[in-house]
N, C-alpha and C. Protein backbone atom coordinates (compact mmCIF):
# COMPACT_ATOMS: atom_id res chain seq x y z
N UNK A 1 90.87 -117.92 -68.09
CA UNK A 1 91.32 -118.73 -67.59
C UNK A 1 92.77 -118.93 -68.23
N UNK A 2 93.59 -119.04 -67.48
CA UNK A 2 94.82 -119.37 -68.43
C UNK A 2 95.03 -120.84 -68.45
N UNK A 3 95.54 -121.34 -69.53
CA UNK A 3 95.59 -122.72 -69.45
C UNK A 3 97.00 -123.19 -68.81
N UNK A 4 97.07 -124.40 -68.45
CA UNK A 4 97.88 -124.94 -67.51
C UNK A 4 99.26 -125.37 -68.78
N UNK A 5 100.54 -125.19 -68.03
CA UNK A 5 101.53 -125.45 -68.61
C UNK A 5 101.75 -126.96 -69.18
N UNK A 6 101.78 -127.46 -70.10
CA UNK A 6 102.16 -129.00 -70.41
C UNK A 6 103.30 -129.07 -70.82
N UNK A 7 104.06 -130.33 -70.54
CA UNK A 7 105.28 -130.36 -71.30
C UNK A 7 105.17 -132.00 -72.10
N UNK A 8 105.19 -131.53 -73.14
CA UNK A 8 104.86 -132.72 -74.31
C UNK A 8 106.27 -133.29 -74.67
N UNK A 9 106.68 -134.28 -74.73
CA UNK A 9 107.79 -135.06 -74.85
C UNK A 9 108.16 -136.64 -74.40
N UNK A 10 108.49 -137.28 -75.55
CA UNK A 10 108.60 -138.69 -75.35
C UNK A 10 107.58 -139.33 -74.91
N UNK A 11 106.18 -139.33 -75.23
CA UNK A 11 104.77 -139.84 -74.53
C UNK A 11 104.84 -139.08 -73.22
N UNK A 12 105.16 -138.58 -72.63
CA UNK A 12 104.75 -137.79 -71.34
C UNK A 12 103.91 -136.71 -71.73
N UNK A 13 103.12 -136.77 -70.55
CA UNK A 13 101.82 -135.85 -70.64
C UNK A 13 101.66 -135.22 -69.39
N UNK A 14 102.85 -134.70 -68.60
CA UNK A 14 102.73 -134.06 -67.24
C UNK A 14 102.22 -133.04 -67.74
N UNK A 15 101.44 -132.12 -66.52
CA UNK A 15 100.83 -131.17 -66.42
C UNK A 15 101.39 -130.27 -65.42
N UNK A 16 101.84 -128.99 -65.56
CA UNK A 16 102.53 -128.16 -64.38
C UNK A 16 101.78 -127.33 -63.92
N UNK A 17 101.58 -126.71 -62.75
CA UNK A 17 100.96 -125.56 -62.35
C UNK A 17 101.17 -124.40 -63.18
N UNK A 18 99.95 -123.74 -63.27
CA UNK A 18 100.10 -122.31 -64.13
C UNK A 18 101.09 -121.28 -63.13
N UNK A 19 101.14 -121.43 -61.94
CA UNK A 19 101.83 -120.82 -61.16
C UNK A 19 103.47 -121.16 -60.66
N UNK A 20 103.60 -121.87 -61.75
CA UNK A 20 105.14 -122.47 -61.74
C UNK A 20 106.37 -121.54 -61.56
N UNK A 21 106.09 -120.20 -62.40
CA UNK A 21 106.94 -119.20 -62.38
C UNK A 21 107.00 -118.42 -61.14
N UNK A 22 105.98 -118.32 -60.06
CA UNK A 22 106.11 -117.90 -58.91
C UNK A 22 106.73 -118.71 -57.89
N UNK A 23 106.90 -120.13 -58.25
CA UNK A 23 107.59 -121.29 -57.25
C UNK A 23 106.76 -122.22 -57.11
N UNK A 24 105.67 -122.53 -57.59
CA UNK A 24 105.10 -123.79 -57.43
C UNK A 24 105.53 -125.01 -57.90
N UNK A 25 105.85 -126.07 -57.46
CA UNK A 25 106.65 -127.30 -58.02
C UNK A 25 105.79 -128.26 -58.23
N UNK A 26 104.68 -128.27 -58.15
CA UNK A 26 103.35 -129.21 -58.45
C UNK A 26 103.34 -129.82 -60.03
N UNK A 27 103.37 -130.98 -60.16
CA UNK A 27 103.46 -131.36 -61.56
C UNK A 27 102.29 -132.88 -61.47
N UNK A 28 101.27 -132.75 -62.47
CA UNK A 28 100.06 -133.98 -62.22
C UNK A 28 100.08 -134.45 -63.88
N UNK A 29 99.23 -135.60 -63.78
CA UNK A 29 99.15 -136.05 -64.89
C UNK A 29 98.38 -135.62 -66.04
N UNK A 30 97.12 -134.83 -65.69
CA UNK A 30 96.16 -134.34 -66.73
C UNK A 30 95.47 -132.96 -65.82
N UNK A 31 94.53 -132.35 -66.48
CA UNK A 31 94.20 -130.99 -66.27
C UNK A 31 93.24 -131.00 -65.36
N UNK A 32 92.72 -132.57 -65.15
CA UNK A 32 91.76 -132.70 -64.04
C UNK A 32 92.47 -132.43 -62.39
N UNK A 33 93.68 -133.14 -62.55
CA UNK A 33 94.58 -133.03 -61.04
C UNK A 33 95.11 -131.70 -61.17
N UNK A 34 95.24 -130.83 -61.93
CA UNK A 34 95.67 -129.28 -62.03
C UNK A 34 94.66 -128.68 -61.59
N UNK A 35 93.36 -128.75 -61.74
CA UNK A 35 92.10 -128.20 -61.46
C UNK A 35 91.93 -128.47 -59.92
N UNK A 36 92.15 -129.45 -59.62
CA UNK A 36 91.96 -130.03 -58.30
C UNK A 36 93.08 -129.11 -57.10
N UNK A 37 94.11 -129.37 -57.78
CA UNK A 37 95.36 -128.72 -57.16
C UNK A 37 95.08 -127.30 -57.05
N UNK A 38 94.69 -126.53 -58.06
CA UNK A 38 94.53 -124.74 -58.09
C UNK A 38 93.33 -125.01 -56.93
N UNK A 39 92.30 -125.58 -57.05
CA UNK A 39 91.28 -125.67 -56.15
C UNK A 39 91.64 -125.80 -54.60
N UNK A 40 92.23 -126.70 -54.35
CA UNK A 40 92.53 -127.12 -52.81
C UNK A 40 93.62 -126.99 -52.17
N UNK A 41 94.74 -127.05 -53.17
CA UNK A 41 96.30 -126.92 -52.65
C UNK A 41 96.99 -125.83 -53.01
N UNK A 42 97.58 -125.51 -53.99
CA UNK A 42 98.09 -124.73 -54.79
C UNK A 42 97.94 -123.20 -53.79
N UNK A 43 99.56 -122.98 -53.16
CA UNK A 43 99.75 -121.84 -52.20
C UNK A 43 99.71 -120.44 -52.79
N UNK A 44 99.96 -120.60 -54.30
CA UNK A 44 99.89 -119.39 -55.01
C UNK A 44 98.44 -119.14 -55.76
N UNK A 45 97.52 -119.56 -55.34
CA UNK A 45 96.27 -119.26 -55.47
C UNK A 45 95.58 -117.81 -54.74
N UNK A 46 95.12 -117.03 -55.17
CA UNK A 46 94.57 -116.21 -54.42
C UNK A 46 93.12 -116.54 -53.66
N UNK A 47 93.10 -116.61 -52.88
CA UNK A 47 91.96 -116.78 -51.97
C UNK A 47 91.47 -115.65 -50.73
N UNK A 48 90.36 -116.30 -50.48
CA UNK A 48 89.45 -115.22 -49.51
C UNK A 48 89.78 -115.42 -48.03
N UNK A 49 90.02 -114.69 -47.12
CA UNK A 49 89.91 -114.85 -45.94
C UNK A 49 89.01 -115.72 -45.34
N UNK A 50 89.29 -117.02 -44.28
CA UNK A 50 88.23 -117.76 -43.85
C UNK A 50 87.31 -117.17 -43.13
N UNK A 51 87.50 -115.65 -42.85
CA UNK A 51 86.65 -114.75 -41.92
C UNK A 51 85.78 -113.96 -42.80
N UNK A 52 85.74 -114.08 -44.12
CA UNK A 52 84.98 -113.39 -45.06
C UNK A 52 83.19 -113.50 -45.00
N UNK A 53 82.88 -114.42 -44.39
CA UNK A 53 81.63 -114.56 -44.10
C UNK A 53 81.41 -113.59 -43.07
N UNK A 54 82.04 -113.40 -41.74
CA UNK A 54 81.72 -112.40 -41.01
C UNK A 54 82.20 -110.68 -41.12
N UNK A 55 82.75 -110.68 -42.64
CA UNK A 55 83.23 -109.34 -42.66
C UNK A 55 84.57 -108.95 -43.09
N UNK A 56 85.53 -110.14 -42.97
CA UNK A 56 86.73 -109.92 -43.47
C UNK A 56 86.69 -109.63 -44.90
N UNK A 57 87.36 -108.35 -45.68
CA UNK A 57 87.52 -108.54 -46.94
C UNK A 57 88.83 -108.95 -47.22
N UNK A 58 89.85 -109.60 -46.71
CA UNK A 58 91.13 -109.52 -47.19
C UNK A 58 91.10 -110.79 -48.33
N UNK A 59 91.77 -110.42 -49.08
CA UNK A 59 92.03 -111.27 -50.45
C UNK A 59 93.81 -111.67 -50.50
N UNK A 60 94.04 -112.94 -50.10
CA UNK A 60 95.64 -112.96 -50.36
C UNK A 60 96.04 -114.27 -50.73
N UNK A 61 96.89 -114.86 -50.85
CA UNK A 61 97.64 -115.99 -51.46
C UNK A 61 97.55 -117.30 -50.65
N UNK A 62 97.11 -118.28 -50.99
CA UNK A 62 96.64 -119.33 -49.73
C UNK A 62 98.14 -119.48 -49.07
N UNK A 63 99.34 -119.38 -49.22
CA UNK A 63 100.51 -119.28 -48.48
C UNK A 63 100.52 -118.32 -47.43
N UNK A 64 99.80 -117.21 -47.62
CA UNK A 64 99.65 -116.36 -46.55
C UNK A 64 98.64 -116.49 -45.67
N UNK A 65 97.66 -117.13 -45.72
CA UNK A 65 96.45 -117.34 -45.09
C UNK A 65 96.74 -117.60 -43.66
N UNK A 66 97.45 -118.29 -43.11
CA UNK A 66 98.11 -118.64 -41.58
C UNK A 66 98.65 -117.31 -41.36
N UNK A 67 99.62 -116.69 -42.10
CA UNK A 67 100.16 -115.45 -41.38
C UNK A 67 99.05 -114.35 -41.12
N UNK A 68 98.06 -114.23 -42.25
CA UNK A 68 96.98 -113.37 -42.03
C UNK A 68 96.07 -113.59 -40.81
N UNK A 69 95.72 -114.91 -40.58
CA UNK A 69 95.17 -115.44 -39.52
C UNK A 69 95.57 -115.00 -38.20
N UNK A 70 96.81 -115.26 -38.05
CA UNK A 70 97.45 -114.59 -36.79
C UNK A 70 97.40 -113.26 -36.53
N UNK A 71 97.93 -112.71 -37.63
CA UNK A 71 98.01 -111.09 -37.63
C UNK A 71 96.66 -110.36 -37.41
N UNK A 72 95.56 -110.84 -37.82
CA UNK A 72 94.28 -110.57 -37.72
C UNK A 72 93.52 -111.41 -36.54
N UNK A 73 94.06 -111.81 -35.61
CA UNK A 73 92.92 -112.33 -34.65
C UNK A 73 92.19 -111.72 -34.04
N UNK A 74 92.66 -110.55 -33.46
CA UNK A 74 91.63 -109.49 -32.82
C UNK A 74 90.61 -108.72 -33.70
N UNK A 75 91.06 -108.86 -35.05
CA UNK A 75 89.77 -108.16 -35.82
C UNK A 75 88.85 -109.15 -35.93
N UNK A 76 89.39 -110.30 -36.57
CA UNK A 76 88.75 -111.57 -36.38
C UNK A 76 87.49 -111.95 -35.51
N UNK A 77 87.94 -111.37 -34.36
CA UNK A 77 87.27 -111.64 -33.39
C UNK A 77 86.37 -110.59 -32.84
N UNK A 78 86.76 -109.54 -33.11
CA UNK A 78 85.73 -108.39 -33.14
C UNK A 78 84.23 -108.79 -34.47
N UNK A 79 84.72 -108.92 -35.30
CA UNK A 79 83.73 -109.28 -36.44
C UNK A 79 83.00 -110.49 -36.20
N UNK A 80 83.56 -111.62 -35.51
CA UNK A 80 82.83 -112.78 -34.91
C UNK A 80 81.87 -112.06 -34.22
N UNK A 81 82.30 -111.22 -32.89
CA UNK A 81 81.56 -110.64 -31.79
C UNK A 81 80.11 -109.79 -32.51
N UNK A 82 80.45 -109.06 -33.45
CA UNK A 82 79.72 -108.31 -34.20
C UNK A 82 78.64 -109.13 -34.82
N UNK A 83 79.22 -110.34 -35.61
CA UNK A 83 78.01 -110.70 -36.21
C UNK A 83 77.12 -111.76 -35.16
N UNK A 84 77.83 -112.20 -34.45
CA UNK A 84 76.97 -112.82 -33.28
C UNK A 84 76.08 -111.76 -32.54
N UNK A 85 76.13 -110.88 -32.68
CA UNK A 85 75.26 -109.64 -31.69
C UNK A 85 74.17 -109.20 -32.69
N UNK A 86 74.69 -109.29 -34.05
CA UNK A 86 73.71 -109.00 -35.23
C UNK A 86 72.80 -110.26 -35.19
N UNK A 87 73.26 -111.59 -35.15
CA UNK A 87 72.33 -112.48 -35.44
C UNK A 87 71.50 -112.79 -34.12
N UNK A 88 71.91 -112.63 -33.10
CA UNK A 88 71.24 -112.70 -31.69
C UNK A 88 69.94 -111.48 -31.94
N UNK A 89 70.20 -110.48 -32.63
CA UNK A 89 69.17 -109.44 -32.36
C UNK A 89 68.29 -109.72 -33.35
N UNK A 90 68.61 -110.54 -34.33
CA UNK A 90 67.81 -110.75 -35.31
C UNK A 90 66.88 -111.81 -34.88
N UNK A 91 67.30 -112.86 -34.37
CA UNK A 91 66.56 -114.08 -33.75
C UNK A 91 65.56 -113.54 -32.57
N UNK A 92 66.27 -112.52 -31.98
CA UNK A 92 65.39 -111.97 -31.02
C UNK A 92 64.03 -111.32 -31.47
N UNK A 93 64.18 -110.35 -32.62
CA UNK A 93 63.15 -109.88 -33.04
C UNK A 93 62.31 -111.07 -33.99
N UNK A 94 62.83 -111.89 -34.69
CA UNK A 94 61.92 -113.23 -35.16
C UNK A 94 61.20 -113.44 -34.14
N UNK A 95 61.73 -113.79 -32.78
CA UNK A 95 60.98 -114.72 -31.70
C UNK A 95 59.69 -113.50 -31.15
N UNK A 96 59.97 -112.16 -31.01
CA UNK A 96 59.30 -111.29 -30.86
C UNK A 96 57.75 -111.35 -31.85
N UNK A 97 58.29 -111.03 -33.22
CA UNK A 97 57.30 -111.61 -34.41
C UNK A 97 56.57 -112.74 -34.00
N UNK A 98 57.15 -114.10 -33.77
CA UNK A 98 56.40 -115.13 -33.75
C UNK A 98 55.58 -114.82 -32.57
N UNK A 99 55.85 -114.61 -31.43
CA UNK A 99 55.34 -114.57 -30.21
C UNK A 99 53.82 -113.82 -30.52
N UNK A 100 53.98 -112.69 -31.13
CA UNK A 100 52.78 -111.95 -31.63
C UNK A 100 51.74 -112.67 -32.41
N UNK A 101 52.55 -113.16 -33.16
CA UNK A 101 51.59 -113.94 -34.37
C UNK A 101 50.86 -115.38 -33.40
N UNK A 102 51.87 -116.24 -32.92
CA UNK A 102 51.08 -116.80 -31.78
C UNK A 102 50.01 -116.50 -30.96
N UNK A 103 50.45 -115.32 -30.31
CA UNK A 103 49.41 -115.01 -29.38
C UNK A 103 48.04 -114.50 -29.96
N UNK A 104 48.20 -113.66 -31.15
CA UNK A 104 46.75 -113.50 -31.77
C UNK A 104 46.14 -114.48 -32.30
N UNK A 105 46.82 -115.70 -32.51
CA UNK A 105 46.07 -116.94 -33.35
C UNK A 105 45.57 -117.41 -32.01
N UNK A 106 46.06 -117.55 -30.91
CA UNK A 106 45.55 -118.17 -29.76
C UNK A 106 44.28 -117.07 -29.38
N UNK A 107 44.45 -116.04 -29.54
CA UNK A 107 43.12 -115.17 -29.29
C UNK A 107 42.15 -115.65 -30.23
N UNK A 108 42.37 -115.55 -31.44
CA UNK A 108 41.14 -115.84 -32.69
C UNK A 108 40.63 -117.52 -32.13
N UNK A 109 41.50 -118.36 -31.74
CA UNK A 109 41.21 -119.56 -31.67
C UNK A 109 40.09 -119.67 -30.32
N UNK A 110 40.73 -118.73 -29.20
CA UNK A 110 39.98 -118.67 -28.11
C UNK A 110 38.67 -118.35 -28.17
N UNK A 111 38.55 -117.13 -29.44
CA UNK A 111 37.17 -116.72 -29.98
C UNK A 111 36.17 -117.92 -30.28
N UNK A 112 36.80 -118.61 -31.40
CA UNK A 112 36.25 -119.74 -31.81
C UNK A 112 35.80 -120.71 -31.05
N UNK A 113 36.38 -121.15 -29.81
CA UNK A 113 35.90 -122.01 -28.96
C UNK A 113 34.94 -121.48 -28.08
N UNK A 114 35.01 -120.17 -28.26
CA UNK A 114 33.83 -119.31 -27.27
C UNK A 114 32.69 -119.53 -28.10
N UNK A 115 32.53 -119.26 -29.08
CA UNK A 115 31.43 -119.61 -30.31
C UNK A 115 30.95 -120.78 -30.21
N UNK A 116 31.98 -121.61 -30.48
CA UNK A 116 31.36 -122.99 -30.50
C UNK A 116 30.85 -123.68 -29.19
N UNK A 117 31.33 -123.07 -28.00
CA UNK A 117 30.59 -123.38 -26.85
C UNK A 117 28.99 -122.82 -26.61
N UNK A 118 28.93 -121.64 -27.41
CA UNK A 118 27.62 -120.79 -27.26
C UNK A 118 27.02 -121.86 -28.13
N UNK A 119 27.19 -121.88 -29.11
CA UNK A 119 26.59 -122.87 -30.40
C UNK A 119 25.99 -124.11 -29.71
N UNK A 120 27.04 -124.94 -29.04
CA UNK A 120 26.55 -126.17 -28.45
C UNK A 120 25.56 -126.11 -27.38
N UNK A 121 25.56 -125.25 -26.62
CA UNK A 121 24.94 -124.55 -25.40
C UNK A 121 23.32 -124.44 -25.85
N UNK A 122 23.50 -123.67 -26.79
CA UNK A 122 22.11 -123.10 -27.55
C UNK A 122 21.70 -124.88 -28.31
N UNK A 123 22.48 -125.33 -28.97
CA UNK A 123 21.51 -126.57 -29.51
C UNK A 123 21.30 -127.45 -28.38
N UNK A 124 21.76 -127.45 -27.20
CA UNK A 124 21.34 -128.48 -25.83
C UNK A 124 19.97 -127.53 -25.46
N UNK A 125 20.15 -126.77 -25.47
CA UNK A 125 18.90 -125.86 -25.06
C UNK A 125 17.74 -126.13 -26.05
N UNK A 126 18.00 -125.96 -27.14
CA UNK A 126 16.87 -126.29 -28.36
C UNK A 126 16.48 -127.91 -28.22
N UNK A 127 17.45 -128.39 -28.07
CA UNK A 127 17.27 -130.04 -27.79
C UNK A 127 16.23 -130.53 -26.83
N UNK A 128 16.66 -129.76 -25.49
CA UNK A 128 15.90 -129.77 -24.50
C UNK A 128 14.17 -129.41 -24.63
N UNK A 129 14.01 -128.31 -25.11
CA UNK A 129 12.84 -127.72 -25.41
C UNK A 129 12.26 -128.76 -26.73
N UNK A 130 13.02 -129.15 -27.36
CA UNK A 130 12.14 -130.05 -28.56
C UNK A 130 12.13 -131.51 -27.75
N UNK A 131 12.62 -132.11 -26.68
CA UNK A 131 12.22 -133.15 -26.09
C UNK A 131 10.87 -132.72 -25.05
N UNK A 132 11.07 -131.74 -24.66
CA UNK A 132 9.56 -131.33 -23.75
C UNK A 132 8.38 -131.52 -24.79
N UNK A 133 8.39 -130.83 -26.00
CA UNK A 133 7.40 -130.64 -27.21
C UNK A 133 7.12 -132.41 -27.36
N UNK A 134 8.30 -133.14 -27.67
CA UNK A 134 7.84 -134.56 -27.76
C UNK A 134 7.16 -135.44 -26.83
N UNK A 135 7.41 -135.26 -25.92
CA UNK A 135 7.12 -135.91 -24.69
C UNK A 135 5.62 -135.17 -24.44
N UNK A 136 5.39 -134.00 -24.18
CA UNK A 136 4.04 -133.60 -24.33
C UNK A 136 3.09 -134.08 -25.35
N UNK A 137 3.41 -134.04 -26.71
CA UNK A 137 2.91 -134.78 -27.85
C UNK A 137 2.53 -136.26 -27.52
N UNK A 138 3.60 -136.87 -27.00
CA UNK A 138 3.49 -138.29 -26.38
C UNK A 138 2.47 -138.35 -25.73
N UNK A 139 2.13 -137.80 -24.54
CA UNK A 139 1.16 -137.49 -23.67
C UNK A 139 -0.20 -137.39 -24.28
N UNK A 140 -0.28 -136.38 -25.17
CA UNK A 140 -1.60 -136.24 -25.81
C UNK A 140 -1.74 -137.39 -26.50
N UNK A 141 -0.93 -137.93 -27.51
CA UNK A 141 -1.10 -139.10 -28.10
C UNK A 141 -1.70 -140.55 -27.06
N UNK A 142 -0.96 -140.17 -26.00
CA UNK A 142 -1.15 -141.49 -25.32
C UNK A 142 -2.69 -141.11 -24.74
N UNK A 143 -2.90 -139.95 -24.42
CA UNK A 143 -4.46 -139.60 -23.98
C UNK A 143 -5.50 -140.17 -24.98
N UNK A 144 -5.55 -139.61 -26.31
CA UNK A 144 -6.12 -139.79 -27.36
C UNK A 144 -6.23 -141.17 -27.66
N UNK A 145 -5.29 -141.81 -27.46
CA UNK A 145 -5.48 -143.27 -27.75
C UNK A 145 -5.87 -144.26 -26.74
N UNK A 146 -5.95 -143.52 -25.58
CA UNK A 146 -6.56 -144.14 -24.50
C UNK A 146 -7.82 -144.06 -24.56
N UNK A 147 -8.59 -142.73 -24.52
CA UNK A 147 -9.82 -142.39 -24.53
C UNK A 147 -10.26 -143.25 -26.07
N UNK A 148 -9.72 -143.18 -27.08
CA UNK A 148 -9.80 -143.72 -28.54
C UNK A 148 -10.42 -145.39 -27.73
N UNK A 149 -9.44 -146.00 -27.31
CA UNK A 149 -9.80 -147.70 -26.84
C UNK A 149 -10.87 -147.89 -25.90
N UNK A 150 -11.24 -146.82 -25.17
CA UNK A 150 -12.22 -146.90 -23.99
C UNK A 150 -13.44 -146.81 -24.73
N UNK A 151 -13.66 -145.72 -25.96
CA UNK A 151 -14.58 -145.44 -26.51
C UNK A 151 -14.79 -146.59 -27.70
N UNK A 152 -13.97 -147.45 -27.97
CA UNK A 152 -13.95 -148.18 -28.81
C UNK A 152 -14.56 -149.58 -28.14
N UNK A 153 -14.06 -149.88 -27.08
CA UNK A 153 -14.36 -150.75 -26.09
C UNK A 153 -15.94 -150.64 -25.57
N UNK A 154 -16.32 -149.28 -25.58
CA UNK A 154 -17.68 -149.23 -24.60
C UNK A 154 -18.52 -149.25 -26.29
N UNK A 155 -17.96 -148.84 -27.03
CA UNK A 155 -19.28 -149.29 -28.34
C UNK A 155 -19.07 -150.73 -29.03
N UNK A 156 -18.36 -151.54 -28.78
CA UNK A 156 -18.22 -152.68 -29.40
C UNK A 156 -18.88 -153.67 -28.10
N UNK A 157 -18.77 -153.17 -26.59
CA UNK A 157 -18.99 -154.21 -25.76
C UNK A 157 -20.75 -154.58 -25.38
N UNK A 158 -20.99 -155.44 -25.47
CA UNK A 158 -22.38 -156.55 -25.57
C UNK A 158 -22.87 -156.03 -24.12
N UNK A 159 -24.24 -155.59 -24.52
CA UNK A 159 -25.11 -155.99 -23.23
C UNK A 159 -25.31 -157.19 -22.45
N UNK A 160 -25.15 -156.65 -21.37
CA UNK A 160 -25.21 -157.97 -20.33
C UNK A 160 -26.90 -158.47 -20.64
């Protein structure tokens, strides 16, 4: 990286643009100002076309950027349309993949739900069967208790 041209004299510390020989008249106070000037303003800095992201490979001086934009409008429009079509195709493919994934997951969930319903139905059947057994045991127990009480009453009954 080239060093900035610095004019030294009588307490002055002005910094000139490194493109002064090409015609840049910028002057600043320090090298930070120069860095900002070169980064954002200098018309003699080489920059990429604003349509680089969509495929324009032009690299030119900042001062020529507007002329390039006007002269290349048709090319830039084609590049943008091509990039748009590519992004659309990519999005459509991503949507197809996501849909297939979601449909697969949905089928798996449906299988899990069906299995859970089967298990719940089986548990209810088991509970009903168990309830019937408990009721039968209760009836037997009540009968035994009733007979035992009758026997106990008859054994402890006093003759008249």
